[in-house]
């Protein structure tokens, strides 16, 4: 089953899709910017991409998706700020 986590940051639409087994994609304004996958059952996938926040200004978006046998925790961050989080029980 695919899951989705959304956030908005500095006029950018952020979307992360993720599923089990460990597979994830980061979209910024509808454009796929990064992907990751693994066959491991307990792993943290890291995705990231810069996002334009102003004229010639960019910030780095980081996505951490932690997989265990019992659940998935997905987070979207910029710097030290948490933009969105979702927990899914398996």
N, C-alpha and C. Protein backbone atom coordinates (compact mmCIF):
# COMPACT_ATOMS: atom_id res chain seq x y z
N UNK A 1 0.84 -1.17 0.00
CA UNK A 1 0.00 0.00 0.00
C UNK A 1 0.89 1.25 0.00
N UNK A 2 0.57 2.22 -0.86
CA UNK A 2 1.32 3.47 -0.92
C UNK A 2 0.72 4.47 0.06
N UNK A 3 1.62 5.22 0.70
CA UNK A 3 1.22 6.27 1.63
C UNK A 3 1.76 7.58 1.11
N UNK A 4 1.18 8.68 1.57
CA UNK A 4 1.59 9.99 1.08
C UNK A 4 1.66 10.98 2.24
N UNK A 5 2.69 11.82 2.23
CA UNK A 5 2.86 12.87 3.22
C UNK A 5 3.08 14.17 2.45
N UNK A 6 2.32 15.21 2.80
CA UNK A 6 2.37 16.49 2.08
C UNK A 6 2.73 17.62 3.03
N UNK A 7 3.39 18.64 2.47
CA UNK A 7 3.70 19.86 3.21
C UNK A 7 3.87 20.99 2.22
N UNK A 8 3.75 22.22 2.72
CA UNK A 8 4.02 23.40 1.90
C UNK A 8 5.13 24.17 2.59
N UNK A 9 6.10 24.62 1.80
CA UNK A 9 7.21 25.38 2.37
C UNK A 9 7.64 26.44 1.36
N UNK A 10 7.57 27.70 1.76
CA UNK A 10 8.00 28.82 0.93
C UNK A 10 7.42 28.73 -0.48
N UNK A 11 6.11 28.57 -0.57
CA UNK A 11 5.38 28.47 -1.84
C UNK A 11 5.71 27.23 -2.65
N UNK A 12 6.39 26.26 -2.07
CA UNK A 12 6.68 24.99 -2.75
C UNK A 12 5.79 23.91 -2.17
N UNK A 13 5.21 23.10 -3.05
CA UNK A 13 4.40 21.96 -2.63
C UNK A 13 5.31 20.74 -2.52
N UNK A 14 5.41 20.17 -1.34
CA UNK A 14 6.25 19.00 -1.09
C UNK A 14 5.36 17.78 -0.92
N UNK A 15 5.74 16.70 -1.58
CA UNK A 15 4.98 15.45 -1.45
C UNK A 15 5.97 14.29 -1.39
N UNK A 16 5.73 13.41 -0.45
CA UNK A 16 6.53 12.20 -0.32
C UNK A 16 5.58 11.01 -0.43
N UNK A 17 5.91 10.08 -1.31
CA UNK A 17 5.17 8.83 -1.37
C UNK A 17 6.09 7.74 -0.85
N UNK A 18 5.53 6.82 -0.09
CA UNK A 18 6.34 5.74 0.47
C UNK A 18 5.49 4.51 0.66
N UNK A 19 6.16 3.36 0.65
CA UNK A 19 5.45 2.09 0.79
C UNK A 19 6.39 1.06 1.40
N UNK A 20 5.81 -0.07 1.74
CA UNK A 20 6.57 -1.20 2.26
C UNK A 20 6.43 -2.34 1.27
N UNK A 21 7.53 -2.97 0.83
CA UNK A 21 8.91 -2.83 1.30
C UNK A 21 9.44 -1.42 1.03
N UNK A 22 10.56 -1.09 1.69
CA UNK A 22 11.09 0.27 1.74
C UNK A 22 11.32 0.87 0.35
N UNK A 23 10.46 1.84 0.02
CA UNK A 23 10.56 2.55 -1.26
C UNK A 23 9.94 3.92 -1.07
N UNK A 24 10.62 4.98 -1.55
CA UNK A 24 10.11 6.33 -1.34
C UNK A 24 10.51 7.25 -2.48
N UNK A 25 9.68 8.29 -2.71
CA UNK A 25 9.94 9.32 -3.72
C UNK A 25 9.61 10.69 -3.13
N UNK A 26 10.44 11.67 -3.46
CA UNK A 26 10.21 13.06 -3.06
C UNK A 26 9.84 13.86 -4.30
N UNK A 27 8.72 14.57 -4.23
CA UNK A 27 8.27 15.45 -5.31
C UNK A 27 8.23 16.87 -4.78
N UNK A 28 8.75 17.81 -5.57
CA UNK A 28 8.65 19.23 -5.25
C UNK A 28 7.96 19.91 -6.42
N UNK A 29 6.82 20.53 -6.13
CA UNK A 29 5.99 21.16 -7.16
C UNK A 29 5.67 20.19 -8.30
N UNK A 30 5.39 18.94 -7.93
CA UNK A 30 4.98 17.93 -8.89
C UNK A 30 6.10 17.27 -9.67
N UNK A 31 7.36 17.68 -9.43
CA UNK A 31 8.49 17.10 -10.15
C UNK A 31 9.24 16.15 -9.21
N UNK A 32 9.45 14.92 -9.67
CA UNK A 32 10.18 13.95 -8.85
C UNK A 32 11.63 14.39 -8.72
N UNK A 33 12.10 14.58 -7.48
CA UNK A 33 13.45 15.09 -7.25
C UNK A 33 14.41 14.06 -6.68
N UNK A 34 13.89 13.03 -5.99
CA UNK A 34 14.78 12.02 -5.40
C UNK A 34 13.98 10.76 -5.13
N UNK A 35 14.67 9.61 -5.16
CA UNK A 35 14.06 8.33 -4.83
C UNK A 35 15.05 7.49 -4.05
N UNK A 36 14.53 6.53 -3.32
CA UNK A 36 15.37 5.57 -2.59
C UNK A 36 14.55 4.32 -2.35
N UNK A 37 15.27 3.18 -2.24
CA UNK A 37 14.59 1.92 -1.94
C UNK A 37 15.61 0.96 -1.33
N UNK A 38 15.09 -0.06 -0.67
CA UNK A 38 15.93 -1.08 -0.05
C UNK A 38 15.10 -2.33 0.18
N UNK A 39 15.79 -3.47 0.21
CA UNK A 39 15.13 -4.73 0.55
C UNK A 39 15.15 -5.00 2.04
N UNK A 40 15.87 -4.19 2.81
CA UNK A 40 15.98 -4.38 4.26
C UNK A 40 14.64 -4.09 4.93
N UNK A 41 14.36 -4.79 6.02
CA UNK A 41 13.10 -4.55 6.75
C UNK A 41 13.24 -3.45 7.79
N UNK A 42 14.44 -3.25 8.34
CA UNK A 42 14.68 -2.17 9.30
C UNK A 42 15.76 -1.27 8.73
N UNK A 43 15.33 -0.08 8.30
CA UNK A 43 16.25 0.84 7.62
C UNK A 43 15.67 2.25 7.68
N UNK A 44 16.53 3.24 7.54
CA UNK A 44 16.09 4.62 7.37
C UNK A 44 16.49 5.08 5.98
N UNK A 45 15.50 5.43 5.16
CA UNK A 45 15.75 5.99 3.84
C UNK A 45 15.87 7.51 3.98
N UNK A 46 16.84 8.09 3.28
CA UNK A 46 17.03 9.54 3.28
C UNK A 46 16.88 10.07 1.86
N UNK A 47 16.02 11.07 1.73
CA UNK A 47 15.82 11.74 0.46
C UNK A 47 16.09 13.22 0.68
N UNK A 48 16.49 13.92 -0.37
CA UNK A 48 16.71 15.35 -0.20
C UNK A 48 16.83 16.07 -1.51
N UNK A 49 16.60 17.39 -1.44
CA UNK A 49 16.69 18.23 -2.62
C UNK A 49 16.63 19.69 -2.18
N UNK A 50 17.32 20.56 -2.91
CA UNK A 50 17.15 21.99 -2.62
C UNK A 50 15.80 22.48 -3.14
N UNK A 51 15.27 23.50 -2.48
CA UNK A 51 14.03 24.13 -2.92
C UNK A 51 14.27 25.63 -2.94
N UNK A 52 13.77 26.29 -3.98
CA UNK A 52 13.96 27.74 -4.07
C UNK A 52 12.98 28.42 -3.15
N UNK A 53 13.51 29.30 -2.28
CA UNK A 53 12.67 29.99 -1.30
C UNK A 53 12.57 31.47 -1.58
N UNK A 54 13.30 31.96 -2.54
CA UNK A 54 13.27 33.37 -2.92
C UNK A 54 14.20 33.57 -4.09
N UNK A 55 14.35 34.82 -4.48
CA UNK A 55 15.23 35.12 -5.60
C UNK A 55 16.65 34.72 -5.26
N UNK A 56 17.18 33.74 -5.96
CA UNK A 56 18.52 33.18 -5.74
C UNK A 56 18.75 32.69 -4.31
N UNK A 57 17.69 32.27 -3.64
CA UNK A 57 17.79 31.70 -2.30
C UNK A 57 17.24 30.28 -2.34
N UNK A 58 17.98 29.37 -1.74
CA UNK A 58 17.57 27.97 -1.71
C UNK A 58 17.77 27.41 -0.30
N UNK A 59 16.93 26.47 0.04
CA UNK A 59 17.10 25.71 1.29
C UNK A 59 17.00 24.24 0.94
N UNK A 60 17.59 23.42 1.78
CA UNK A 60 17.62 21.98 1.52
C UNK A 60 16.47 21.30 2.26
N UNK A 61 15.68 20.54 1.52
CA UNK A 61 14.60 19.73 2.10
C UNK A 61 15.15 18.33 2.33
N UNK A 62 14.93 17.80 3.52
CA UNK A 62 15.36 16.44 3.84
C UNK A 62 14.15 15.62 4.26
N UNK A 63 14.12 14.39 3.78
CA UNK A 63 13.05 13.46 4.14
C UNK A 63 13.70 12.24 4.78
N UNK A 64 13.23 11.86 5.96
CA UNK A 64 13.69 10.66 6.65
C UNK A 64 12.51 9.73 6.82
N UNK A 65 12.66 8.51 6.34
CA UNK A 65 11.60 7.51 6.47
C UNK A 65 12.22 6.30 7.16
N UNK A 66 11.78 6.07 8.39
CA UNK A 66 12.33 4.98 9.21
C UNK A 66 11.37 3.80 9.18
N UNK A 67 11.87 2.67 8.73
CA UNK A 67 11.09 1.44 8.63
C UNK A 67 11.49 0.46 9.74
N UNK A 68 10.50 -0.10 10.40
CA UNK A 68 10.71 -1.24 11.30
C UNK A 68 9.72 -2.32 10.89
N UNK A 69 9.78 -3.45 11.54
CA UNK A 69 8.85 -4.53 11.23
C UNK A 69 7.41 -4.15 11.58
N UNK A 70 7.23 -3.21 12.54
CA UNK A 70 5.90 -2.87 13.02
C UNK A 70 5.33 -1.58 12.44
N UNK A 71 6.19 -0.62 12.03
CA UNK A 71 5.66 0.65 11.55
C UNK A 71 6.63 1.39 10.64
N UNK A 72 6.11 2.47 10.06
CA UNK A 72 6.89 3.38 9.23
C UNK A 72 6.69 4.78 9.79
N UNK A 73 7.79 5.52 9.99
CA UNK A 73 7.73 6.91 10.43
C UNK A 73 8.35 7.76 9.33
N UNK A 74 7.57 8.68 8.77
CA UNK A 74 8.05 9.57 7.70
C UNK A 74 8.05 11.00 8.20
N UNK A 75 9.16 11.73 7.91
CA UNK A 75 9.27 13.13 8.32
C UNK A 75 9.84 13.96 7.17
N UNK A 76 9.32 15.17 7.02
CA UNK A 76 9.86 16.16 6.09
C UNK A 76 10.43 17.29 6.94
N UNK A 77 11.72 17.62 6.67
CA UNK A 77 12.41 18.64 7.46
C UNK A 77 13.13 19.64 6.56
N UNK A 78 13.35 20.82 7.09
CA UNK A 78 14.25 21.78 6.49
C UNK A 78 15.08 22.35 7.62
N UNK A 79 16.40 22.26 7.50
CA UNK A 79 17.24 22.64 8.62
C UNK A 79 16.87 21.79 9.82
N UNK A 80 16.49 22.43 10.89
CA UNK A 80 16.07 21.71 12.09
C UNK A 80 14.56 21.78 12.30
N UNK A 81 13.85 22.35 11.33
CA UNK A 81 12.40 22.53 11.44
C UNK A 81 11.65 21.34 10.86
N UNK A 82 10.76 20.75 11.64
CA UNK A 82 9.89 19.67 11.18
C UNK A 82 8.69 20.28 10.48
N UNK A 83 8.52 19.93 9.19
CA UNK A 83 7.41 20.45 8.40
C UNK A 83 6.20 19.55 8.45
N UNK A 84 6.42 18.23 8.47
CA UNK A 84 5.31 17.27 8.49
C UNK A 84 5.83 15.92 8.97
N UNK A 85 4.93 15.15 9.57
CA UNK A 85 5.29 13.82 10.07
C UNK A 85 4.08 12.91 9.98
N UNK A 86 4.35 11.63 9.71
CA UNK A 86 3.27 10.64 9.66
C UNK A 86 3.81 9.30 10.15
N UNK A 87 3.02 8.63 10.99
CA UNK A 87 3.33 7.28 11.45
C UNK A 87 2.29 6.34 10.87
N UNK A 88 2.78 5.20 10.35
CA UNK A 88 1.90 4.19 9.76
C UNK A 88 2.21 2.85 10.44
N UNK A 89 1.19 2.21 10.98
CA UNK A 89 1.36 0.87 11.55
C UNK A 89 1.21 -0.17 10.45
N UNK A 90 2.07 -1.17 10.49
CA UNK A 90 2.02 -2.22 9.47
C UNK A 90 1.24 -3.43 9.97
